[in-house]
Amino acid sequence: MKNSTIYYIPYKFRKIENLHILLWLMKDICWALNFKYPALIMIIPTLMVAVIITYQTRKIISELIHNLAIDFWITANCTWMVGEFFHLEENLIGPYGLRQLSIIPFSIGLLILAYYYLYLIHKKDFQETVKQQTEFLLEEIKVTENK
């Protein structure tokens, strides 16, 4: 194994990420079962937790970028869901409905990831920068937990 670097995610971040998975699955199951109002209600905590995760990871560029892409993915997913529930799939704006308009946030997320994978990770010392950002954040968390 050439690269034996271990990647750490602080436990408090992992807990909220696991909660986020639960909320997202609940929203999508409600959507799949056509439970309109529970699914619509689940948009709020699902998006809120996604934004909180993005904010928490803002100091580690690789995490920030991926979490921003997830924020846009969930936004697109919710847009599509609302379009289906309220039959806004076609002719909302010309020939387009909300499903087609969900391509906008999907594309923004894809562009963010393209920037990361096509440019950032190829920069000299990028991995070292991410390692330093992670170590700094872990130290910061340790200091605040000891107060």
Protein backbone atom coordinates (compact mmCIF):
# COMPACT_ATOMS: atom_id res chain seq x y z
CA MET A 1 0.00 0.00 0.00
CA LYS A 2 1.66 3.21 -1.19
CA ASN A 3 -0.43 5.75 0.66
CA SER A 4 -1.16 4.76 4.25
CA THR A 5 -2.54 8.12 5.31
CA ILE A 6 -5.59 7.71 7.52
CA TYR A 7 -8.43 10.15 6.97
CA TYR A 8 -10.24 11.28 10.10
CA ILE A 9 -13.71 12.70 10.39
CA PRO A 10 -14.56 14.10 13.82
CA TYR A 11 -17.17 12.04 15.65
CA LYS A 12 -19.54 14.97 16.10
CA PHE A 13 -19.52 15.43 12.30
CA ARG A 14 -20.13 11.72 11.69
CA LYS A 15 -23.16 11.74 14.04
CA ILE A 16 -24.88 14.53 12.11
CA GLU A 17 -23.96 12.91 8.77
CA ASN A 18 -25.64 9.71 9.94
CA LEU A 19 -28.72 11.69 10.99
CA HIS A 20 -28.71 13.30 7.56
CA ILE A 21 -28.84 9.89 5.87
CA LEU A 22 -31.88 8.98 8.00
CA LEU A 23 -33.70 12.22 7.14
CA TRP A 24 -32.91 11.93 3.43
CA LEU A 25 -34.15 8.32 3.31
CA MET A 26 -37.34 9.26 5.17
CA LYS A 27 -38.00 12.06 2.67
CA ASP A 28 -37.38 9.80 -0.33
CA ILE A 29 -39.47 6.94 1.08
CA CYS A 30 -42.37 9.37 1.63
CA TRP A 31 -41.89 10.52 -1.97
CA ALA A 32 -41.84 6.94 -3.29
CA LEU A 33 -44.98 6.09 -1.30
CA ASN A 34 -46.65 9.29 -2.52
CA PHE A 35 -47.03 10.65 1.04
CA LYS A 36 -47.07 14.22 -0.19
CA TYR A 37 -47.18 16.26 3.02
CA PRO A 38 -44.78 14.16 5.11
CA ALA A 39 -42.32 14.29 2.18
CA LEU A 40 -42.72 18.06 1.90
CA ILE A 41 -42.20 18.46 5.64
CA MET A 42 -39.04 16.33 5.45
CA ILE A 43 -37.50 18.80 2.98
CA ILE A 44 -36.88 21.26 5.81
CA PRO A 45 -34.83 19.09 8.21
CA THR A 46 -33.07 17.30 5.35
CA LEU A 47 -31.87 20.56 3.77
CA MET A 48 -31.14 22.17 7.14
CA VAL A 49 -28.91 19.32 8.24
CA ALA A 50 -27.16 19.32 4.83
CA VAL A 51 -26.37 23.02 5.23
CA ILE A 52 -25.17 22.47 8.81
CA ILE A 53 -22.82 19.73 7.62
CA THR A 54 -21.51 22.01 4.88
CA TYR A 55 -20.93 24.78 7.42
CA GLN A 56 -19.17 22.42 9.84
CA THR A 57 -16.79 21.21 7.16
CA ARG A 58 -16.07 24.63 5.64
CA LYS A 59 -12.46 24.60 6.87
CA ILE A 60 -11.56 21.42 4.93
CA ILE A 61 -11.82 22.27 1.23
CA SER A 62 -12.34 18.69 0.01
CA GLU A 63 -15.23 18.17 2.45
CA LEU A 64 -16.69 21.60 1.76
CA ILE A 65 -16.81 21.01 -1.98
CA HIS A 66 -18.44 17.60 -1.68
CA ASN A 67 -20.97 18.85 0.84
CA LEU A 68 -21.84 21.84 -1.36
CA ALA A 69 -22.49 19.39 -4.21
CA ILE A 70 -24.75 17.39 -1.88
CA ASP A 71 -26.65 20.57 -0.94
CA PHE A 72 -27.37 21.21 -4.61
CA TRP A 73 -28.23 17.55 -5.18
CA ILE A 74 -30.83 17.62 -2.39
CA THR A 75 -32.20 20.93 -3.69
CA ALA A 76 -32.60 19.40 -7.15
CA ASN A 77 -34.13 16.26 -5.68
CA CYS A 78 -36.67 18.31 -3.69
CA THR A 79 -37.48 20.47 -6.72
CA TRP A 80 -38.20 17.37 -8.76
CA MET A 81 -40.34 15.91 -5.94
CA VAL A 82 -42.44 19.08 -5.60
CA GLY A 83 -42.97 19.09 -9.37
CA GLU A 84 -44.27 15.54 -9.27
CA PHE A 85 -46.54 16.09 -6.29
CA PHE A 86 -48.17 19.22 -7.70
CA HIS A 87 -48.08 18.14 -11.37
CA LEU A 88 -45.64 20.90 -12.27
CA GLU A 89 -43.66 18.51 -14.44
CA GLU A 90 -44.49 20.20 -17.73
CA ASN A 91 -45.45 23.61 -19.06
CA LEU A 92 -44.58 25.52 -15.89
CA ILE A 93 -42.09 27.74 -17.70
CA GLY A 94 -42.61 27.27 -21.41
CA PRO A 95 -42.03 23.61 -22.22
CA TYR A 96 -40.23 23.00 -18.91
CA GLY A 97 -41.48 21.78 -15.57
CA LEU A 98 -39.79 21.47 -12.19
CA ARG A 99 -38.22 18.14 -13.11
CA GLN A 100 -36.43 19.79 -16.02
CA LEU A 101 -35.55 22.84 -13.91
CA SER A 102 -33.99 20.54 -11.31
CA ILE A 103 -31.20 20.11 -13.86
CA ILE A 104 -29.94 23.56 -12.78
CA PRO A 105 -29.01 22.63 -9.18
CA PHE A 106 -27.89 19.16 -10.34
CA SER A 107 -25.56 20.88 -12.84
CA ILE A 108 -24.23 23.35 -10.27
CA GLY A 109 -23.31 20.42 -8.01
CA LEU A 110 -21.66 18.67 -10.94
CA LEU A 111 -19.67 21.80 -11.84
CA ILE A 112 -18.46 22.13 -8.26
CA LEU A 113 -17.24 18.53 -8.33
CA ALA A 114 -15.71 18.99 -11.78
CA TYR A 115 -13.69 21.92 -10.40
CA TYR A 116 -12.48 19.69 -7.58
CA TYR A 117 -11.62 16.62 -9.67
CA LEU A 118 -10.32 18.33 -12.77
CA TYR A 119 -8.40 21.15 -11.12
CA LEU A 120 -7.98 21.18 -7.34
CA ILE A 121 -6.76 17.66 -6.67
CA HIS A 122 -4.08 18.08 -9.32
CA LYS A 123 -2.60 21.13 -7.66
CA LYS A 124 0.79 20.66 -6.12
CA ASP A 125 0.57 20.11 -2.35
CA PHE A 126 -3.24 19.84 -2.39
CA GLN A 127 -3.27 16.61 -0.36
CA GLU A 128 -0.91 18.16 2.16
CA THR A 129 -3.15 21.23 2.44
CA VAL A 130 -6.21 19.04 3.12
CA LYS A 131 -4.23 17.07 5.71
CA GLN A 132 -3.21 20.30 7.45
CA GLN A 133 -6.77 21.64 7.32
CA THR A 134 -8.04 18.41 8.88
CA GLU A 135 -5.39 18.39 11.60
CA PHE A 136 -6.11 22.04 12.40
CA LEU A 137 -9.85 21.37 12.64
CA LEU A 138 -9.30 18.31 14.86
CA GLU A 139 -7.10 20.39 17.15
CA GLU A 140 -9.70 23.16 17.21
CA ILE A 141 -12.41 20.67 18.18
CA LYS A 142 -10.22 19.20 20.91
CA VAL A 143 -9.58 22.66 22.37
CA THR A 144 -13.29 23.61 22.38
CA GLU A 145 -14.29 20.28 23.92
CA ASN A 146 -11.77 20.75 26.75
CA LYS A 147 -13.14 24.15 27.73
